[in-house]
Amino acid sequence: MHPAALPETELLAQCDLSKGRASGPGGQHRNKVETKVTLHHTPTGVEAHAGERRSVTDNRRVAIFRLRLGLAVAVRRPVPIGDARSELWKSRVTPEGRIACSPHHRDFPAVLAEALDMIHACALDTHKAAIRLTCSHSQLVKLLKDHPPALVALNRDRKARGLHPLR
């Protein structure tokens, strides 16, 4: 299972959590209370933090989501031959090939990770990856555009292989 798709308790068991003060607007409250949360995923070295909210609980939730997004972009897993779609992926793709997952939904990082894994397994050919994922090519590219760092990372890899960038 991709680390971006792990249950929260398992993911946090692999992380170091630290709290601190965040700089920026917020006045006295921000300067007096340590509400910034930083998560460091030990196996991969991926880090995420959140400190823009006044509550440690809210910042922890946001940091976990950001960590999942970072893991989705940074970590690649091998894809088996044949139908490699997860149950989550199958539940998020309509029969018409539309990917139904908002970038703010808790499932988005896992869906994004699965799409990126498949694209890399198909030698960065998004058309082949879309066929294997039973979605349209335009929907697959739209999913990547919903998280710009994913599109930037993929285009960097495509450029290294001499392929044109996705837009």
C-alpha atoms as a PDB file:
ATOM      1  CA  MET A   1       0.000   0.000   0.000  1.00  0.00           C
ATOM      2  CA  HIS A   2       1.227   3.482  -0.845  1.00  0.00           C
ATOM      3  CA  PRO A   3       2.113   5.558   2.240  1.00  0.00           C
ATOM      4  CA  ALA A   4      -0.323   8.283   1.097  1.00  0.00           C
ATOM      5  CA  ALA A   5      -3.146   5.737   1.412  1.00  0.00           C
ATOM      6  CA  LEU A   6      -2.252   4.386   4.857  1.00  0.00           C
ATOM      7  CA  PRO A   7      -4.741   4.741   7.704  1.00  0.00           C
ATOM      8  CA  GLU A   8      -3.942   7.771   9.848  1.00  0.00           C
ATOM      9  CA  THR A   9      -2.715   5.763  12.847  1.00  0.00           C
ATOM     10  CA  GLU A  10      -0.277   3.740  10.711  1.00  0.00           C
ATOM     11  CA  LEU A  11       0.971   6.853   8.937  1.00  0.00           C
ATOM     12  CA  LEU A  12       1.535   8.720  12.208  1.00  0.00           C
ATOM     13  CA  ALA A  13       3.384   5.696  13.641  1.00  0.00           C
ATOM     14  CA  GLN A  14       5.964   6.218  10.863  1.00  0.00           C
ATOM     15  CA  CYS A  15       6.307   9.950  11.581  1.00  0.00           C
ATOM     16  CA  ASP A  16       8.054  12.242  14.028  1.00  0.00           C
ATOM     17  CA  LEU A  17       5.706  14.992  15.174  1.00  0.00           C
ATOM     18  CA  SER A  18       6.952  18.272  16.570  1.00  0.00           C
ATOM     19  CA  LYS A  19       5.229  21.467  17.636  1.00  0.00           C
ATOM     20  CA  GLY A  20       6.479  25.005  17.580  1.00  0.00           C
ATOM     21  CA  ARG A  21       5.609  28.630  17.009  1.00  0.00           C
ATOM     22  CA  ALA A  22       4.772  29.913  13.572  1.00  0.00           C
ATOM     23  CA  SER A  23       5.735  33.312  12.291  1.00  0.00           C
ATOM     24  CA  GLY A  24       3.379  35.616  10.465  1.00  0.00           C
ATOM     25  CA  PRO A  25       0.122  37.377  11.240  1.00  0.00           C
ATOM     26  CA  GLY A  26      -1.857  36.389  14.299  1.00  0.00           C
ATOM     27  CA  GLY A  27      -0.693  38.761  16.977  1.00  0.00           C
ATOM     28  CA  GLN A  28      -0.197  37.767  20.571  1.00  0.00           C
ATOM     29  CA  HIS A  29      -1.856  34.366  20.286  1.00  0.00           C
ATOM     30  CA  ARG A  30       0.513  33.157  17.606  1.00  0.00           C
ATOM     31  CA  ASN A  31       3.571  34.362  19.491  1.00  0.00           C
ATOM     32  CA  LYS A  32       2.540  32.809  22.826  1.00  0.00           C
ATOM     33  CA  VAL A  33       1.186  29.398  21.863  1.00  0.00           C
ATOM     34  CA  GLU A  34       2.975  26.601  20.016  1.00  0.00           C
ATOM     35  CA  THR A  35       0.356  25.669  17.450  1.00  0.00           C
ATOM     36  CA  LYS A  36       2.575  24.907  14.440  1.00  0.00           C
ATOM     37  CA  VAL A  37       2.725  21.176  13.700  1.00  0.00           C
ATOM     38  CA  THR A  38       5.549  19.566  11.702  1.00  0.00           C
ATOM     39  CA  LEU A  39       5.436  15.951  10.539  1.00  0.00           C
ATOM     40  CA  HIS A  40       8.529  14.138   9.295  1.00  0.00           C
ATOM     41  CA  HIS A  41       7.901  10.794   7.561  1.00  0.00           C
ATOM     42  CA  THR A  42      10.936   8.828   8.717  1.00  0.00           C
ATOM     43  CA  PRO A  43      11.077   6.132   5.977  1.00  0.00           C
ATOM     44  CA  THR A  44      11.024   8.656   3.103  1.00  0.00           C
ATOM     45  CA  GLY A  45      12.221  11.934   4.601  1.00  0.00           C
ATOM     46  CA  VAL A  46       9.138  13.797   3.353  1.00  0.00           C
ATOM     47  CA  GLU A  47       8.075  16.664   5.634  1.00  0.00           C
ATOM     48  CA  ALA A  48       4.920  18.709   5.981  1.00  0.00           C
ATOM     49  CA  HIS A  49       3.867  21.425   8.359  1.00  0.00           C
ATOM     50  CA  ALA A  50       0.892  23.615   9.163  1.00  0.00           C
ATOM     51  CA  GLY A  51       0.772  26.624  11.441  1.00  0.00           C
ATOM     52  CA  GLU A  52      -1.779  28.974   9.966  1.00  0.00           C
ATOM     53  CA  ARG A  53      -4.616  27.970  12.290  1.00  0.00           C
ATOM     54  CA  ARG A  54      -4.969  28.781  15.983  1.00  0.00           C
ATOM     55  CA  SER A  55      -5.616  25.188  17.033  1.00  0.00           C
ATOM     56  CA  VAL A  56      -3.022  22.415  17.265  1.00  0.00           C
ATOM     57  CA  THR A  57      -5.726  19.909  16.308  1.00  0.00           C
ATOM     58  CA  ASP A  58      -6.624  21.805  13.134  1.00  0.00           C
ATOM     59  CA  ASN A  59      -2.964  22.283  12.207  1.00  0.00           C
ATOM     60  CA  ARG A  60      -2.295  18.565  12.794  1.00  0.00           C
ATOM     61  CA  ARG A  61      -5.154  17.616  10.447  1.00  0.00           C
ATOM     62  CA  VAL A  62      -3.869  19.998   7.750  1.00  0.00           C
ATOM     63  CA  ALA A  63      -0.262  18.788   8.191  1.00  0.00           C
ATOM     64  CA  ILE A  64      -1.368  15.159   7.763  1.00  0.00           C
ATOM     65  CA  PHE A  65      -3.193  16.025   4.520  1.00  0.00           C
ATOM     66  CA  ARG A  66      -0.143  17.941   3.246  1.00  0.00           C
ATOM     67  CA  LEU A  67       2.109  15.027   4.194  1.00  0.00           C
ATOM     68  CA  ARG A  68      -0.123  12.649   2.225  1.00  0.00           C
ATOM     69  CA  LEU A  69       0.114  14.961  -0.813  1.00  0.00           C
ATOM     70  CA  GLY A  70       3.899  15.154  -0.448  1.00  0.00           C
ATOM     71  CA  LEU A  71       4.142  11.370  -0.230  1.00  0.00           C
ATOM     72  CA  ALA A  72       1.881  10.980  -3.280  1.00  0.00           C
ATOM     73  CA  VAL A  73       4.266  13.110  -5.346  1.00  0.00           C
ATOM     74  CA  ALA A  74       7.589  11.859  -3.933  1.00  0.00           C
ATOM     75  CA  VAL A  75       7.114   8.096  -3.463  1.00  0.00           C
ATOM     76  CA  ARG A  76       6.661   5.615  -6.310  1.00  0.00           C
ATOM     77  CA  ARG A  77       5.474   2.040  -5.821  1.00  0.00           C
ATOM     78  CA  PRO A  78       5.670  -0.793  -8.373  1.00  0.00           C
ATOM     79  CA  VAL A  79       2.466  -1.613 -10.250  1.00  0.00           C
ATOM     80  CA  PRO A  80       1.525  -5.258 -10.908  1.00  0.00           C
ATOM     81  CA  ILE A  81       0.705  -6.509 -14.402  1.00  0.00           C
ATOM     82  CA  GLY A  82      -2.978  -6.730 -15.269  1.00  0.00           C
ATOM     83  CA  ASP A  83      -5.778  -4.878 -13.533  1.00  0.00           C
ATOM     84  CA  ALA A  84      -3.874  -2.978 -10.849  1.00  0.00           C
ATOM     85  CA  ARG A  85      -6.659  -0.575  -9.900  1.00  0.00           C
ATOM     86  CA  SER A  86      -7.457  -0.385  -6.207  1.00  0.00           C
ATOM     87  CA  GLU A  87     -10.991  -0.525  -4.859  1.00  0.00           C
ATOM     88  CA  LEU A  88     -10.683   3.171  -4.026  1.00  0.00           C
ATOM     89  CA  TRP A  89      -9.748   3.974  -7.637  1.00  0.00           C
ATOM     90  CA  LYS A  90     -12.651   1.880  -8.979  1.00  0.00           C
ATOM     91  CA  SER A  91     -15.051   3.713  -6.673  1.00  0.00           C
ATOM     92  CA  ARG A  92     -13.756   7.115  -7.856  1.00  0.00           C
ATOM     93  CA  VAL A  93     -13.956   6.527 -11.642  1.00  0.00           C
ATOM     94  CA  THR A  94     -17.333   6.590 -13.346  1.00  0.00           C
ATOM     95  CA  PRO A  95     -18.221   4.193 -16.193  1.00  0.00           C
ATOM     96  CA  GLU A  96     -17.725   7.145 -18.582  1.00  0.00           C
ATOM     97  CA  GLY A  97     -14.081   7.490 -17.472  1.00  0.00           C
ATOM     98  CA  ARG A  98     -14.514  10.551 -15.277  1.00  0.00           C
ATOM     99  CA  ILE A  99     -12.423  10.786 -12.083  1.00  0.00           C
ATOM    100  CA  ALA A 100     -14.680  12.009  -9.284  1.00  0.00           C
ATOM    101  CA  CYS A 101     -12.435  13.253  -6.482  1.00  0.00           C
ATOM    102  CA  SER A 102     -12.073  16.829  -5.281  1.00  0.00           C
ATOM    103  CA  PRO A 103      -8.525  18.038  -4.493  1.00  0.00           C
ATOM    104  CA  HIS A 104      -9.726  18.798  -0.955  1.00  0.00           C
ATOM    105  CA  HIS A 105     -11.228  15.372  -0.291  1.00  0.00           C
ATOM    106  CA  ARG A 106      -9.379  13.006   2.062  1.00  0.00           C
ATOM    107  CA  ASP A 107      -9.121  10.370  -0.729  1.00  0.00           C
ATOM    108  CA  PHE A 108      -7.371  12.741  -3.159  1.00  0.00           C
ATOM    109  CA  PRO A 109      -3.739  11.987  -2.108  1.00  0.00           C
ATOM    110  CA  ALA A 110      -4.276   8.207  -2.442  1.00  0.00           C
ATOM    111  CA  VAL A 111      -5.955   8.614  -5.845  1.00  0.00           C
ATOM    112  CA  LEU A 112      -3.162  10.929  -7.011  1.00  0.00           C
ATOM    113  CA  ALA A 113      -0.485   8.483  -5.802  1.00  0.00           C
ATOM    114  CA  GLU A 114      -2.128   5.605  -7.667  1.00  0.00           C
ATOM    115  CA  ALA A 115      -2.309   7.664 -10.863  1.00  0.00           C
ATOM    116  CA  LEU A 116       1.348   8.703 -10.615  1.00  0.00           C
ATOM    117  CA  ASP A 117       2.442   5.121  -9.889  1.00  0.00           C
ATOM    118  CA  MET A 118       0.606   3.937 -13.001  1.00  0.00           C
ATOM    119  CA  ILE A 119       2.036   6.733 -15.160  1.00  0.00           C
ATOM    120  CA  HIS A 120       5.562   5.822 -14.073  1.00  0.00           C
ATOM    121  CA  ALA A 121       4.848   2.112 -14.656  1.00  0.00           C
ATOM    122  CA  CYS A 122       3.802   3.040 -18.227  1.00  0.00           C
ATOM    123  CA  ALA A 123       7.133   4.822 -18.878  1.00  0.00           C
ATOM    124  CA  LEU A 124       5.490   8.255 -18.362  1.00  0.00           C
ATOM    125  CA  ASP A 125       3.001   7.606 -21.183  1.00  0.00           C
ATOM    126  CA  THR A 126      -0.207   9.160 -19.858  1.00  0.00           C
ATOM    127  CA  HIS A 127      -2.299   7.692 -22.673  1.00  0.00           C
ATOM    128  CA  LYS A 128      -1.311   4.121 -21.741  1.00  0.00           C
ATOM    129  CA  ALA A 129      -1.776   4.908 -18.051  1.00  0.00           C
ATOM    130  CA  ALA A 130      -5.287   6.255 -18.710  1.00  0.00           C
ATOM    131  CA  ILE A 131      -6.196   3.057 -20.553  1.00  0.00           C
ATOM    132  CA  ARG A 132      -4.927   0.890 -17.680  1.00  0.00           C
ATOM    133  CA  LEU A 133      -6.770   3.070 -15.164  1.00  0.00           C
ATOM    134  CA  THR A 134      -9.968   3.002 -17.281  1.00  0.00           C
ATOM    135  CA  CYS A 135     -10.306   6.773 -17.311  1.00  0.00           C
ATOM    136  CA  SER A 136     -10.005   9.347 -20.044  1.00  0.00           C
ATOM    137  CA  HIS A 137      -6.641  10.929 -20.781  1.00  0.00           C
ATOM    138  CA  SER A 138      -8.042  14.413 -20.170  1.00  0.00           C
ATOM    139  CA  GLN A 139      -9.374  13.360 -16.759  1.00  0.00           C
ATOM    140  CA  LEU A 140      -5.993  11.921 -15.808  1.00  0.00           C
ATOM    141  CA  VAL A 141      -4.219  15.144 -16.766  1.00  0.00           C
ATOM    142  CA  LYS A 142      -6.877  17.171 -14.935  1.00  0.00           C
ATOM    143  CA  LEU A 143      -6.218  15.114 -11.796  1.00  0.00           C
ATOM    144  CA  LEU A 144      -2.527  16.033 -12.036  1.00  0.00           C
ATOM    145  CA  LYS A 145      -3.365  19.695 -12.601  1.00  0.00           C
ATOM    146  CA  ASP A 146      -5.445  19.685  -9.409  1.00  0.00           C
ATOM    147  CA  HIS A 147      -2.152  19.398  -7.489  1.00  0.00           C
ATOM    148  CA  PRO A 148       0.400  21.550  -9.373  1.00  0.00           C
ATOM    149  CA  PRO A 149       3.495  20.046  -7.637  1.00  0.00           C
ATOM    150  CA  ALA A 150       2.496  16.644  -9.098  1.00  0.00           C
ATOM    151  CA  LEU A 151       2.333  18.066 -12.614  1.00  0.00           C
ATOM    152  CA  VAL A 152       5.654  19.883 -12.144  1.00  0.00           C
ATOM    153  CA  ALA A 153       7.369  16.691 -10.919  1.00  0.00           C
ATOM    154  CA  LEU A 154       5.926  14.619 -13.762  1.00  0.00           C
ATOM    155  CA  ASN A 155       6.949  17.204 -16.373  1.00  0.00           C
ATOM    156  CA  ARG A 156      10.464  17.256 -14.895  1.00  0.00           C
ATOM    157  CA  ASP A 157      10.658  13.463 -15.310  1.00  0.00           C
ATOM    158  CA  ARG A 158       9.196  13.656 -18.825  1.00  0.00           C
ATOM    159  CA  LYS A 159      11.740  16.303 -19.827  1.00  0.00           C
ATOM    160  CA  ALA A 160      14.593  14.095 -18.548  1.00  0.00           C
ATOM    161  CA  ARG A 161      13.348  11.350 -20.910  1.00  0.00           C
ATOM    162  CA  GLY A 162      12.987  13.742 -23.846  1.00  0.00           C
ATOM    163  CA  LEU A 163       9.180  13.811 -23.771  1.00  0.00           C
ATOM    164  CA  HIS A 164       7.091  16.949 -24.223  1.00  0.00           C
ATOM    165  CA  PRO A 165       5.528  18.506 -21.103  1.00  0.00           C
ATOM    166  CA  LEU A 166       1.871  18.068 -20.230  1.00  0.00           C
ATOM    167  CA  ARG A 167      -0.263  21.206 -20.078  1.00  0.00           C
END
